[in-house]
């Protein structure tokens, strides 16, 4: 079954550099084995990475033994829906790429909150 984004459309790629996603396929795909619900495509900020580290989820430190380069500000990453909600409630929410965010996120985070934190590019 194809994973859909929050608009009910096909998910677009979140990031291939760094390679993200529960399945490390670049998309915020999920299934019943993804207990963390890695479904929110975010654009990392220093504020969010600091918040996440203090909350016990250090995403910024590289772990070469797991081929994990560490997430840097500006990187796109498939984040756990509950961690996003915690960051939002802690006033540290990163921006969200809506078209790359899995519809399963809506089980945890409201559409309004996702839209409020939407990432927009200045493409003309």
PDB file of N, CA and C in Angstrom:
ATOM      1  N   UNK A   1       0.841  -1.181   0.000  1.00  0.00           N
ATOM      2  CA  UNK A   1       0.000   0.000   0.000  1.00  0.00           C
ATOM      3  C   UNK A   1       0.886   1.244   0.000  1.00  0.00           C
ATOM      4  N   UNK A   2       0.582   2.172  -0.892  1.00  0.00           N
ATOM      5  CA  UNK A   2       1.359   3.395  -1.031  1.00  0.00           C
ATOM      6  C   UNK A   2       1.077   4.346   0.125  1.00  0.00           C
ATOM      7  N   UNK A   3       2.151   4.887   0.705  1.00  0.00           N
ATOM      8  CA  UNK A   3       1.996   5.900   1.737  1.00  0.00           C
ATOM      9  C   UNK A   3       1.625   7.221   1.077  1.00  0.00           C
ATOM     10  N   UNK A   4       0.754   7.973   1.723  1.00  0.00           N
ATOM     11  CA  UNK A   4       0.278   9.266   1.217  1.00  0.00           C
ATOM     12  C   UNK A   4       0.742  10.379   2.143  1.00  0.00           C
ATOM     13  N   UNK A   5       0.754  11.594   1.609  1.00  0.00           N
ATOM     14  CA  UNK A   5       1.085  12.742   2.448  1.00  0.00           C
ATOM     15  C   UNK A   5      -0.177  13.263   3.141  1.00  0.00           C
ATOM     16  N   UNK A   6      -0.044  14.341   3.888  1.00  0.00           N
ATOM     17  CA  UNK A   6      -1.173  14.847   4.677  1.00  0.00           C
ATOM     18  C   UNK A   6      -2.315  15.374   3.816  1.00  0.00           C
ATOM     19  N   UNK A   7      -2.062  15.539   2.525  1.00  0.00           N
ATOM     20  CA  UNK A   7      -3.105  15.981   1.595  1.00  0.00           C
ATOM     21  C   UNK A   7      -3.732  14.814   0.832  1.00  0.00           C
ATOM     22  N   UNK A   8      -3.304  13.576   1.168  1.00  0.00           N
ATOM     23  CA  UNK A   8      -3.829  12.395   0.488  1.00  0.00           C
ATOM     24  C   UNK A   8      -3.181  12.133  -0.862  1.00  0.00           C
ATOM     25  N   UNK A   9      -2.062  12.800  -1.130  1.00  0.00           N
ATOM     26  CA  UNK A   9      -1.330  12.628  -2.392  1.00  0.00           C
ATOM     27  C   UNK A   9      -0.086  11.780  -2.140  1.00  0.00           C
ATOM     28  N   UNK A  10       0.594  11.376  -3.209  1.00  0.00           N
ATOM     29  CA  UNK A  10       1.834  10.611  -3.072  1.00  0.00           C
ATOM     30  C   UNK A  10       2.872  11.425  -2.305  1.00  0.00           C
ATOM     31  N   UNK A  11       3.592  10.756  -1.404  1.00  0.00           N
ATOM     32  CA  UNK A  11       4.671  11.418  -0.675  1.00  0.00           C
ATOM     33  C   UNK A  11       5.782  11.820  -1.626  1.00  0.00           C
ATOM     34  N   UNK A  12       6.337  12.997  -1.419  1.00  0.00           N
ATOM     35  CA  UNK A  12       7.541  13.364  -2.160  1.00  0.00           C
ATOM     36  C   UNK A  12       8.737  13.004  -1.270  1.00  0.00           C
ATOM     37  N   UNK A  13       9.916  12.971  -1.856  1.00  0.00           N
ATOM     38  CA  UNK A  13      11.136  12.650  -1.122  1.00  0.00           C
ATOM     39  C   UNK A  13      11.403  13.746  -0.088  1.00  0.00           C
ATOM     40  N   UNK A  14      11.785  13.319   1.102  1.00  0.00           N
ATOM     41  CA  UNK A  14      12.167  14.259   2.155  1.00  0.00           C
ATOM     42  C   UNK A  14      13.650  14.592   2.014  1.00  0.00           C
ATOM     43  N   UNK A  15      14.517  13.574   2.048  1.00  0.00           N
ATOM     44  CA  UNK A  15      15.956  13.815   1.909  1.00  0.00           C
ATOM     45  C   UNK A  15      16.705  12.537   1.564  1.00  0.00           C
ATOM     46  N   UNK A  16      17.656  12.687   0.662  1.00  0.00           N
ATOM     47  CA  UNK A  16      18.589  11.592   0.382  1.00  0.00           C
ATOM     48  C   UNK A  16      19.996  11.947   0.852  1.00  0.00           C
ATOM     49  N   UNK A  17      20.177  13.185   1.331  1.00  0.00           N
ATOM     50  CA  UNK A  17      21.463  13.610   1.857  1.00  0.00           C
ATOM     51  C   UNK A  17      21.253  14.615   2.981  1.00  0.00           C
ATOM     52  N   UNK A  18      21.190  14.194   4.250  1.00  0.00           N
ATOM     53  CA  UNK A  18      21.414  12.830   4.684  1.00  0.00           C
ATOM     54  C   UNK A  18      20.228  11.930   4.324  1.00  0.00           C
ATOM     55  N   UNK A  19      20.525  10.652   4.164  1.00  0.00           N
ATOM     56  CA  UNK A  19      19.477   9.685   3.840  1.00  0.00           C
ATOM     57  C   UNK A  19      18.606   9.480   5.065  1.00  0.00           C
ATOM     58  N   UNK A  20      17.315   9.694   4.898  1.00  0.00           N
ATOM     59  CA  UNK A  20      16.398   9.672   6.026  1.00  0.00           C
ATOM     60  C   UNK A  20      15.269   8.687   5.799  1.00  0.00           C
ATOM     61  N   UNK A  21      14.394   8.628   6.771  1.00  0.00           N
ATOM     62  CA  UNK A  21      13.226   7.760   6.715  1.00  0.00           C
ATOM     63  C   UNK A  21      13.433   6.496   7.522  1.00  0.00           C
ATOM     64  N   UNK A  22      12.364   5.982   8.055  1.00  0.00           N
ATOM     65  CA  UNK A  22      12.415   4.744   8.838  1.00  0.00           C
ATOM     66  C   UNK A  22      13.052   3.624   8.031  1.00  0.00           C
ATOM     67  N   UNK A  23      12.754   3.589   6.734  1.00  0.00           N
ATOM     68  CA  UNK A  23      13.310   2.554   5.858  1.00  0.00           C
ATOM     69  C   UNK A  23      14.589   3.013   5.163  1.00  0.00           C
ATOM     70  N   UNK A  24      15.080   4.221   5.491  1.00  0.00           N
ATOM     71  CA  UNK A  24      16.242   4.836   4.840  1.00  0.00           C
ATOM     72  C   UNK A  24      16.082   4.800   3.320  1.00  0.00           C
ATOM     73  N   UNK A  25      14.894   5.258   2.892  1.00  0.00           N
ATOM     74  CA  UNK A  25      14.585   5.334   1.460  1.00  0.00           C
ATOM     75  C   UNK A  25      14.394   6.784   1.006  1.00  0.00           C
ATOM     76  N   UNK A  26      14.675   7.734   1.905  1.00  0.00           N
ATOM     77  CA  UNK A  26      14.547   9.146   1.572  1.00  0.00           C
ATOM     78  C   UNK A  26      13.166   9.720   1.810  1.00  0.00           C
ATOM     79  N   UNK A  27      12.189   8.849   2.068  1.00  0.00           N
ATOM     80  CA  UNK A  27      10.799   9.283   2.283  1.00  0.00           C
ATOM     81  C   UNK A  27      10.359   8.965   3.704  1.00  0.00           C
ATOM     82  N   UNK A  28       9.331   9.657   4.158  1.00  0.00           N
ATOM     83  CA  UNK A  28       8.783   9.431   5.495  1.00  0.00           C
ATOM     84  C   UNK A  28       7.710   8.337   5.445  1.00  0.00           C
ATOM     85  N   UNK A  29       8.072   7.219   4.813  1.00  0.00           N
ATOM     86  CA  UNK A  29       7.188   6.057   4.760  1.00  0.00           C
ATOM     87  C   UNK A  29       7.138   5.391   6.127  1.00  0.00           C
ATOM     88  N   UNK A  30       6.063   4.659   6.382  1.00  0.00           N
ATOM     89  CA  UNK A  30       5.914   3.986   7.666  1.00  0.00           C
ATOM     90  C   UNK A  30       5.101   2.709   7.473  1.00  0.00           C
ATOM     91  N   UNK A  31       5.154   1.866   8.485  1.00  0.00           N
ATOM     92  CA  UNK A  31       4.285   0.692   8.554  1.00  0.00           C
ATOM     93  C   UNK A  31       4.125   0.326  10.029  1.00  0.00           C
ATOM     94  N   UNK A  32       3.528  -0.810  10.306  1.00  0.00           N
ATOM     95  CA  UNK A  32       3.250  -1.194  11.692  1.00  0.00           C
ATOM     96  C   UNK A  32       4.505  -1.461  12.518  1.00  0.00           C
ATOM     97  N   UNK A  33       5.656  -1.663  11.877  1.00  0.00           N
ATOM     98  CA  UNK A  33       6.889  -1.910  12.628  1.00  0.00           C
ATOM     99  C   UNK A  33       7.556  -0.607  13.082  1.00  0.00           C
ATOM    100  N   UNK A  34       7.118   0.515  12.552  1.00  0.00           N
ATOM    101  CA  UNK A  34       7.690   1.825  12.884  1.00  0.00           C
ATOM    102  C   UNK A  34       7.027   2.360  14.140  1.00  0.00           C
ATOM    103  N   UNK A  35       7.502   1.901  15.279  1.00  0.00           N
ATOM    104  CA  UNK A  35       6.886   2.293  16.545  1.00  0.00           C
ATOM    105  C   UNK A  35       7.097   3.767  16.860  1.00  0.00           C
ATOM    106  N   UNK A  36       8.146   4.378  16.304  1.00  0.00           N
ATOM    107  CA  UNK A  36       8.411   5.796  16.533  1.00  0.00           C
ATOM    108  C   UNK A  36       7.622   6.718  15.631  1.00  0.00           C
ATOM    109  N   UNK A  37       6.975   6.170  14.618  1.00  0.00           N
ATOM    110  CA  UNK A  37       6.198   6.945  13.648  1.00  0.00           C
ATOM    111  C   UNK A  37       7.040   8.093  13.062  1.00  0.00           C
ATOM    112  N   UNK A  38       8.081   7.715  12.300  1.00  0.00           N
ATOM    113  CA  UNK A  38       9.021   8.661  11.675  1.00  0.00           C
ATOM    114  C   UNK A  38       8.377   9.249  10.424  1.00  0.00           C
ATOM    115  N   UNK A  39       7.429  10.162  10.624  1.00  0.00           N
ATOM    116  CA  UNK A  39       6.549  10.568   9.529  1.00  0.00           C
ATOM    117  C   UNK A  39       6.533  12.057   9.212  1.00  0.00           C
ATOM    118  N   UNK A  40       7.225  12.875   9.995  1.00  0.00           N
ATOM    119  CA  UNK A  40       7.199  14.322   9.782  1.00  0.00           C
ATOM    120  C   UNK A  40       8.489  14.746   9.091  1.00  0.00           C
ATOM    121  N   UNK A  41       8.385  15.264   7.883  1.00  0.00           N
ATOM    122  CA  UNK A  41       9.562  15.756   7.170  1.00  0.00           C
ATOM    123  C   UNK A  41       9.840  17.173   7.637  1.00  0.00           C
ATOM    124  N   UNK A  42      10.957  17.325   8.348  1.00  0.00           N
ATOM    125  CA  UNK A  42      11.308  18.632   8.916  1.00  0.00           C
ATOM    126  C   UNK A  42      12.550  19.215   8.248  1.00  0.00           C
ATOM    127  N   UNK A  43      12.715  20.511   8.426  1.00  0.00           N
ATOM    128  CA  UNK A  43      13.960  21.193   8.105  1.00  0.00           C
ATOM    129  C   UNK A  43      14.552  21.571   9.463  1.00  0.00           C
ATOM    130  N   UNK A  44      15.664  20.940   9.813  1.00  0.00           N
ATOM    131  CA  UNK A  44      16.242  21.102  11.144  1.00  0.00           C
ATOM    132  C   UNK A  44      16.742  22.523  11.376  1.00  0.00           C
ATOM    133  N   UNK A  45      16.585  22.966  12.613  1.00  0.00           N
ATOM    134  CA  UNK A  45      17.123  24.251  13.058  1.00  0.00           C
ATOM    135  C   UNK A  45      18.013  23.989  14.270  1.00  0.00           C
ATOM    136  N   UNK A  46      18.898  24.921  14.556  1.00  0.00           N
ATOM    137  CA  UNK A  46      19.753  24.795  15.741  1.00  0.00           C
ATOM    138  C   UNK A  46      18.899  24.691  17.005  1.00  0.00           C
ATOM    139  N   UNK A  47      17.856  25.513  17.083  1.00  0.00           N
ATOM    140  CA  UNK A  47      16.966  25.502  18.256  1.00  0.00           C
ATOM    141  C   UNK A  47      16.321  24.130  18.437  1.00  0.00           C
ATOM    142  N   UNK A  48      15.833  23.544  17.344  1.00  0.00           N
ATOM    143  CA  UNK A  48      15.208  22.233  17.448  1.00  0.00           C
ATOM    144  C   UNK A  48      16.228  21.163  17.831  1.00  0.00           C
ATOM    145  N   UNK A  49      17.406  21.179  17.197  1.00  0.00           N
ATOM    146  CA  UNK A  49      18.414  20.151  17.485  1.00  0.00           C
ATOM    147  C   UNK A  49      18.858  20.212  18.942  1.00  0.00           C
ATOM    148  N   UNK A  50      18.987  21.420  19.487  1.00  0.00           N
ATOM    149  CA  UNK A  50      19.326  21.574  20.902  1.00  0.00           C
ATOM    150  C   UNK A  50      18.202  21.031  21.773  1.00  0.00           C
ATOM    151  N   UNK A  51      16.960  21.377  21.442  1.00  0.00           N
ATOM    152  CA  UNK A  51      15.809  20.875  22.187  1.00  0.00           C
ATOM    153  C   UNK A  51      15.789  19.344  22.174  1.00  0.00           C
ATOM    154  N   UNK A  52      15.964  18.763  21.004  1.00  0.00           N
ATOM    155  CA  UNK A  52      15.904  17.306  20.862  1.00  0.00           C
ATOM    156  C   UNK A  52      17.016  16.633  21.677  1.00  0.00           C
ATOM    157  N   UNK A  53      18.204  17.198  21.632  1.00  0.00           N
ATOM    158  CA  UNK A  53      19.327  16.635  22.396  1.00  0.00           C
ATOM    159  C   UNK A  53      19.023  16.678  23.891  1.00  0.00           C
ATOM    160  N   UNK A  54      18.515  17.807  24.365  1.00  0.00           N
ATOM    161  CA  UNK A  54      18.176  17.933  25.785  1.00  0.00           C
ATOM    162  C   UNK A  54      17.037  17.000  26.192  1.00  0.00           C
ATOM    163  N   UNK A  55      16.181  16.643  25.218  1.00  0.00           N
ATOM    164  CA  UNK A  55      15.066  15.729  25.483  1.00  0.00           C
ATOM    165  C   UNK A  55      15.489  14.262  25.361  1.00  0.00           C
ATOM    166  N   UNK A  56      16.784  14.035  25.090  1.00  0.00           N
ATOM    167  CA  UNK A  56      17.281  12.661  25.058  1.00  0.00           C
ATOM    168  C   UNK A  56      17.389  12.039  23.685  1.00  0.00           C
ATOM    169  N   UNK A  57      17.204  12.827  22.624  1.00  0.00           N
ATOM    170  CA  UNK A  57      17.313  12.300  21.266  1.00  0.00           C
ATOM    171  C   UNK A  57      18.323  13.156  20.504  1.00  0.00           C
ATOM    172  N   UNK A  58      19.599  12.806  20.638  1.00  0.00           N
ATOM    173  CA  UNK A  58      20.681  13.569  20.014  1.00  0.00           C
ATOM    174  C   UNK A  58      20.771  13.211  18.532  1.00  0.00           C
ATOM    175  N   UNK A  59      20.234  14.082  17.701  1.00  0.00           N
ATOM    176  CA  UNK A  59      20.274  13.871  16.251  1.00  0.00           C
ATOM    177  C   UNK A  59      21.498  14.505  15.606  1.00  0.00           C
ATOM    178  N   UNK A  60      22.191  15.374  16.315  1.00  0.00           N
ATOM    179  CA  UNK A  60      23.266  16.157  15.699  1.00  0.00           C
ATOM    180  C   UNK A  60      24.647  15.502  15.774  1.00  0.00           C
ATOM    181  N   UNK A  61      24.840  14.574  16.682  1.00  0.00           N
ATOM    182  CA  UNK A  61      26.145  13.927  16.815  1.00  0.00           C
ATOM    183  C   UNK A  61      26.289  12.788  15.809  1.00  0.00           C
ATOM    184  N   UNK A  62      27.317  12.848  14.964  1.00  0.00           N
ATOM    185  CA  UNK A  62      27.533  11.766  14.000  1.00  0.00           C
ATOM    186  C   UNK A  62      27.820  10.431  14.701  1.00  0.00           C
ATOM    187  N   UNK A  63      27.316   9.363  14.115  1.00  0.00           N
ATOM    188  CA  UNK A  63      27.598   8.009  14.582  1.00  0.00           C
ATOM    189  C   UNK A  63      28.107   7.207  13.383  1.00  0.00           C
ATOM    190  N   UNK A  64      29.413   7.319  13.094  1.00  0.00           N
ATOM    191  CA  UNK A  64      29.960   6.673  11.893  1.00  0.00           C
ATOM    192  C   UNK A  64      29.743   5.161  11.869  1.00  0.00           C
ATOM    193  N   UNK A  65      29.709   4.533  13.033  1.00  0.00           N
ATOM    194  CA  UNK A  65      29.514   3.078  13.084  1.00  0.00           C
ATOM    195  C   UNK A  65      28.150   2.659  12.553  1.00  0.00           C
ATOM    196  N   UNK A  66      27.215   3.611  12.494  1.00  0.00           N
ATOM    197  CA  UNK A  66      25.885   3.350  11.927  1.00  0.00           C
ATOM    198  C   UNK A  66      25.670   4.109  10.622  1.00  0.00           C
ATOM    199  N   UNK A  67      26.751   4.620  10.047  1.00  0.00           N
ATOM    200  CA  UNK A  67      26.701   5.426   8.817  1.00  0.00           C
ATOM    201  C   UNK A  67      25.753   6.615   8.969  1.00  0.00           C
ATOM    202  N   UNK A  68      25.742   7.196  10.171  1.00  0.00           N
ATOM    203  CA  UNK A  68      24.886   8.347  10.459  1.00  0.00           C
ATOM    204  C   UNK A  68      25.752   9.590  10.568  1.00  0.00           C
ATOM    205  N   UNK A  69      25.592  10.534   9.625  1.00  0.00           N
ATOM    206  CA  UNK A  69      26.449  11.719   9.623  1.00  0.00           C
ATOM    207  C   UNK A  69      26.061  12.787  10.644  1.00  0.00           C
ATOM    208  N   UNK A  70      24.924  12.627  11.291  1.00  0.00           N
ATOM    209  CA  UNK A  70      24.408  13.666  12.176  1.00  0.00           C
ATOM    210  C   UNK A  70      23.607  14.674  11.374  1.00  0.00           C
ATOM    211  N   UNK A  71      22.552  15.188  11.977  1.00  0.00           N
ATOM    212  CA  UNK A  71      21.685  16.167  11.321  1.00  0.00           C
ATOM    213  C   UNK A  71      22.189  17.562  11.676  1.00  0.00           C
ATOM    214  N   UNK A  72      22.300  18.404  10.659  1.00  0.00           N
ATOM    215  CA  UNK A  72      22.769  19.777  10.846  1.00  0.00           C
ATOM    216  C   UNK A  72      21.631  20.750  10.528  1.00  0.00           C
ATOM    217  N   UNK A  73      21.697  21.962  11.047  1.00  0.00           N
ATOM    218  CA  UNK A  73      20.677  22.957  10.688  1.00  0.00           C
ATOM    219  C   UNK A  73      20.574  23.059   9.161  1.00  0.00           C
ATOM    220  N   UNK A  74      19.350  23.067   8.676  1.00  0.00           N
ATOM    221  CA  UNK A  74      19.094  23.128   7.241  1.00  0.00           C
ATOM    222  C   UNK A  74      18.865  21.765   6.612  1.00  0.00           C
ATOM    223  N   UNK A  75      19.299  20.692   7.290  1.00  0.00           N
ATOM    224  CA  UNK A  75      19.060  19.340   6.781  1.00  0.00           C
ATOM    225  C   UNK A  75      17.582  18.987   6.899  1.00  0.00           C
ATOM    226  N   UNK A  76      17.113  18.192   5.959  1.00  0.00           N
ATOM    227  CA  UNK A  76      15.761  17.652   6.023  1.00  0.00           C
ATOM    228  C   UNK A  76      15.837  16.271   6.655  1.00  0.00           C
ATOM    229  N   UNK A  77      14.818  15.929   7.461  1.00  0.00           N
ATOM    230  CA  UNK A  77      14.878  14.685   8.226  1.00  0.00           C
ATOM    231  C   UNK A  77      13.467  14.202   8.540  1.00  0.00           C
ATOM    232  N   UNK A  78      13.242  12.895   8.490  1.00  0.00           N
ATOM    233  CA  UNK A  78      11.956  12.316   8.888  1.00  0.00           C
ATOM    234  C   UNK A  78      11.964  12.145  10.403  1.00  0.00           C
ATOM    235  N   UNK A  79      11.208  12.967  11.060  1.00  0.00           N
ATOM    236  CA  UNK A  79      11.167  13.028  12.519  1.00  0.00           C
ATOM    237  C   UNK A  79       9.965  12.261  13.057  1.00  0.00           C
ATOM    238  N   UNK A  80      10.127  11.708  14.250  1.00  0.00           N
ATOM    239  CA  UNK A  80       9.001  11.052  14.921  1.00  0.00           C
ATOM    240  C   UNK A  80       7.914  12.086  15.214  1.00  0.00           C
ATOM    241  N   UNK A  81       6.683  11.694  14.978  1.00  0.00           N
ATOM    242  CA  UNK A  81       5.556  12.607  15.163  1.00  0.00           C
ATOM    243  C   UNK A  81       5.458  13.099  16.612  1.00  0.00           C
ATOM    244  N   UNK A  82       5.683  12.219  17.573  1.00  0.00           N
ATOM    245  CA  UNK A  82       5.608  12.649  18.977  1.00  0.00           C
ATOM    246  C   UNK A  82       6.722  13.631  19.332  1.00  0.00           C
ATOM    247  N   UNK A  83       7.932  13.439  18.757  1.00  0.00           N
ATOM    248  CA  UNK A  83       9.023  14.378  19.019  1.00  0.00           C
ATOM    249  C   UNK A  83       8.684  15.753  18.436  1.00  0.00           C
ATOM    250  N   UNK A  84       8.073  15.766  17.244  1.00  0.00           N
ATOM    251  CA  UNK A  84       7.653  17.040  16.673  1.00  0.00           C
ATOM    252  C   UNK A  84       6.642  17.719  17.598  1.00  0.00           C
ATOM    253  N   UNK A  85       5.677  16.953  18.080  1.00  0.00           N
ATOM    254  CA  UNK A  85       4.654  17.516  18.974  1.00  0.00           C
ATOM    255  C   UNK A  85       5.292  18.074  20.247  1.00  0.00           C
ATOM    256  N   UNK A  86       6.258  17.344  20.807  1.00  0.00           N
ATOM    257  CA  UNK A  86       6.975  17.824  21.995  1.00  0.00           C
ATOM    258  C   UNK A  86       7.723  19.130  21.684  1.00  0.00           C
ATOM    259  N   UNK A  87       8.376  19.167  20.537  1.00  0.00           N
ATOM    260  CA  UNK A  87       9.109  20.378  20.157  1.00  0.00           C
ATOM    261  C   UNK A  87       8.152  21.548  19.961  1.00  0.00           C
ATOM    262  N   UNK A  88       7.006  21.289  19.358  1.00  0.00           N
ATOM    263  CA  UNK A  88       6.001  22.338  19.173  1.00  0.00           C
ATOM    264  C   UNK A  88       5.555  22.878  20.535  1.00  0.00           C
ATOM    265  N   UNK A  89       5.242  21.968  21.436  1.00  0.00           N
ATOM    266  CA  UNK A  89       4.790  22.378  22.766  1.00  0.00           C
ATOM    267  C   UNK A  89       5.895  23.078  23.545  1.00  0.00           C
ATOM    268  N   UNK A  90       7.162  22.793  23.200  1.00  0.00           N
ATOM    269  CA  UNK A  90       8.308  23.425  23.844  1.00  0.00           C
ATOM    270  C   UNK A  90       8.812  24.651  23.097  1.00  0.00           C
ATOM    271  N   UNK A  91       8.019  25.142  22.160  1.00  0.00           N
ATOM    272  CA  UNK A  91       8.362  26.329  21.375  1.00  0.00           C
ATOM    273  C   UNK A  91       9.685  26.169  20.614  1.00  0.00           C
ATOM    274  N   UNK A  92       9.921  24.938  20.110  1.00  0.00           N
ATOM    275  CA  UNK A  92      11.161  24.674  19.369  1.00  0.00           C
ATOM    276  C   UNK A  92      10.879  23.885  18.082  1.00  0.00           C
ATOM    277  N   UNK A  93       9.665  23.959  17.601  1.00  0.00           N
ATOM    278  CA  UNK A  93       9.297  23.173  16.419  1.00  0.00           C
ATOM    279  C   UNK A  93      10.081  23.609  15.192  1.00  0.00           C
ATOM    280  N   UNK A  94      10.600  22.634  14.447  1.00  0.00           N
ATOM    281  CA  UNK A  94      11.235  22.954  13.170  1.00  0.00           C
ATOM    282  C   UNK A  94      10.154  23.182  12.111  1.00  0.00           C
ATOM    283  N   UNK A  95      10.567  23.656  10.961  1.00  0.00           N
ATOM    284  CA  UNK A  95       9.626  23.812   9.855  1.00  0.00           C
ATOM    285  C   UNK A  95       9.335  22.450   9.244  1.00  0.00           C
ATOM    286  N   UNK A  96       8.177  22.324   8.598  1.00  0.00           N
ATOM    287  CA  UNK A  96       7.687  21.050   8.060  1.00  0.00           C
ATOM    288  C   UNK A  96       7.491  21.158   6.555  1.00  0.00           C
ATOM    289  N   UNK A  97       7.960  20.155   5.840  1.00  0.00           N
ATOM    290  CA  UNK A  97       7.683  20.061   4.406  1.00  0.00           C
ATOM    291  C   UNK A  97       6.413  19.217   4.281  1.00  0.00           C
ATOM    292  N   UNK A  98       5.312  19.893   4.059  1.00  0.00           N
ATOM    293  CA  UNK A  98       3.988  19.264   4.123  1.00  0.00           C
ATOM    294  C   UNK A  98       3.818  18.132   3.121  1.00  0.00           C
ATOM    295  N   UNK A  99       4.276  18.331   1.895  1.00  0.00           N
ATOM    296  CA  UNK A  99       4.068  17.324   0.842  1.00  0.00           C
ATOM    297  C   UNK A  99       4.886  16.057   1.074  1.00  0.00           C
ATOM    298  N   UNK A 100       5.891  16.138   1.962  1.00  0.00           N
ATOM    299  CA  UNK A 100       6.732  14.985   2.275  1.00  0.00           C
ATOM    300  C   UNK A 100       6.403  14.399   3.644  1.00  0.00           C
ATOM    301  N   UNK A 101       5.369  14.945   4.311  1.00  0.00           N
ATOM    302  CA  UNK A 101       4.955  14.474   5.630  1.00  0.00           C
ATOM    303  C   UNK A 101       3.819  13.474   5.480  1.00  0.00           C
ATOM    304  N   UNK A 102       4.018  12.315   6.078  1.00  0.00           N
ATOM    305  CA  UNK A 102       3.078  11.202   5.949  1.00  0.00           C
ATOM    306  C   UNK A 102       1.748  11.513   6.636  1.00  0.00           C
ATOM    307  N   UNK A 103       0.657  11.081   6.005  1.00  0.00           N
ATOM    308  CA  UNK A 103      -0.683  11.305   6.563  1.00  0.00           C
ATOM    309  C   UNK A 103      -0.867  10.671   7.937  1.00  0.00           C
ATOM    310  N   UNK A 104      -0.074   9.661   8.277  1.00  0.00           N
ATOM    311  CA  UNK A 104      -0.170   9.031   9.603  1.00  0.00           C
ATOM    312  C   UNK A 104       0.175  10.018  10.712  1.00  0.00           C
ATOM    313  N   UNK A 105       0.887  11.081  10.363  1.00  0.00           N
ATOM    314  CA  UNK A 105       1.219  12.127  11.327  1.00  0.00           C
ATOM    315  C   UNK A 105      -0.052  12.727  11.926  1.00  0.00           C
ATOM    316  N   UNK A 106      -1.100  12.786  11.124  1.00  0.00           N
ATOM    317  CA  UNK A 106      -2.349  13.411  11.572  1.00  0.00           C
ATOM    318  C   UNK A 106      -2.997  12.658  12.732  1.00  0.00           C
ATOM    319  N   UNK A 107      -2.538  11.436  13.016  1.00  0.00           N
ATOM    320  CA  UNK A 107      -3.013  10.700  14.198  1.00  0.00           C
ATOM    321  C   UNK A 107      -2.442  11.308  15.480  1.00  0.00           C
ATOM    322  N   UNK A 108      -1.370  12.119  15.340  1.00  0.00           N
ATOM    323  CA  UNK A 108      -0.666  12.659  16.497  1.00  0.00           C
ATOM    324  C   UNK A 108      -0.665  14.188  16.528  1.00  0.00           C
ATOM    325  N   UNK A 109      -0.540  14.804  15.338  1.00  0.00           N
ATOM    326  CA  UNK A 109      -0.420  16.258  15.222  1.00  0.00           C
ATOM    327  C   UNK A 109      -1.521  16.767  14.294  1.00  0.00           C
ATOM    328  N   UNK A 110      -2.164  17.860  14.679  1.00  0.00           N
ATOM    329  CA  UNK A 110      -3.260  18.390  13.859  1.00  0.00           C
ATOM    330  C   UNK A 110      -2.742  19.029  12.570  1.00  0.00           C
ATOM    331  N   UNK A 111      -3.593  19.032  11.571  1.00  0.00           N
ATOM    332  CA  UNK A 111      -3.281  19.679  10.300  1.00  0.00           C
ATOM    333  C   UNK A 111      -2.952  21.153  10.534  1.00  0.00           C
ATOM    334  N   UNK A 112      -3.697  21.822  11.419  1.00  0.00           N
ATOM    335  CA  UNK A 112      -3.462  23.245  11.688  1.00  0.00           C
ATOM    336  C   UNK A 112      -2.045  23.502  12.192  1.00  0.00           C
ATOM    337  N   UNK A 113      -1.554  22.656  13.096  1.00  0.00           N
ATOM    338  CA  UNK A 113      -0.201  22.826  13.636  1.00  0.00           C
ATOM    339  C   UNK A 113       0.835  22.588  12.542  1.00  0.00           C
ATOM    340  N   UNK A 114       0.613  21.587  11.715  1.00  0.00           N
ATOM    341  CA  UNK A 114       1.550  21.319  10.619  1.00  0.00           C
ATOM    342  C   UNK A 114       1.606  22.504   9.656  1.00  0.00           C
ATOM    343  N   UNK A 115       0.447  23.023   9.293  1.00  0.00           N
ATOM    344  CA  UNK A 115       0.399  24.163   8.365  1.00  0.00           C
ATOM    345  C   UNK A 115       1.029  25.402   8.999  1.00  0.00           C
ATOM    346  N   UNK A 116       0.781  25.602  10.288  1.00  0.00           N
ATOM    347  CA  UNK A 116       1.378  26.737  11.007  1.00  0.00           C
ATOM    348  C   UNK A 116       2.908  26.705  10.932  1.00  0.00           C
ATOM    349  N   UNK A 117       3.476  25.507  10.848  1.00  0.00           N
ATOM    350  CA  UNK A 117       4.922  25.339  10.837  1.00  0.00           C
ATOM    351  C   UNK A 117       5.467  24.957   9.466  1.00  0.00           C
ATOM    352  N   UNK A 118       4.697  25.223   8.439  1.00  0.00           N
ATOM    353  CA  UNK A 118       5.088  24.853   7.074  1.00  0.00           C
ATOM    354  C   UNK A 118       6.355  25.568   6.627  1.00  0.00           C
ATOM    355  N   UNK A 119       7.183  24.838   5.902  1.00  0.00           N
ATOM    356  CA  UNK A 119       8.382  25.387   5.272  1.00  0.00           C
ATOM    357  C   UNK A 119       8.025  25.827   3.870  1.00  0.00           C
ATOM    358  N   UNK A 120       8.356  27.050   3.554  1.00  0.00           N
ATOM    359  CA  UNK A 120       8.105  27.567   2.213  1.00  0.00           C
ATOM    360  C   UNK A 120       9.415  28.036   1.598  1.00  0.00           C
ATOM    361  N   UNK A 121       9.599  27.743   0.345  1.00  0.00           N
ATOM    362  CA  UNK A 121      10.773  28.258  -0.362  1.00  0.00           C
ATOM    363  C   UNK A 121      10.363  29.542  -1.085  1.00  0.00           C
ATOM    364  N   UNK A 122      11.339  30.303  -1.440  1.00  0.00           N
ATOM    365  CA  UNK A 122      11.080  31.557  -2.136  1.00  0.00           C
ATOM    366  C   UNK A 122      11.240  31.380  -3.649  1.00  0.00           C
ATOM    367  N   UNK A 123      10.744  30.258  -4.170  1.00  0.00           N
ATOM    368  CA  UNK A 123      10.844  30.022  -5.614  1.00  0.00           C
ATOM    369  C   UNK A 123       9.921  30.982  -6.355  1.00  0.00           C
ATOM    370  N   UNK A 124      10.428  31.510  -7.451  1.00  0.00           N
ATOM    371  CA  UNK A 124       9.637  32.449  -8.253  1.00  0.00           C
ATOM    372  C   UNK A 124       9.412  31.838  -9.620  1.00  0.00           C
TER     373      UNK A 124
END
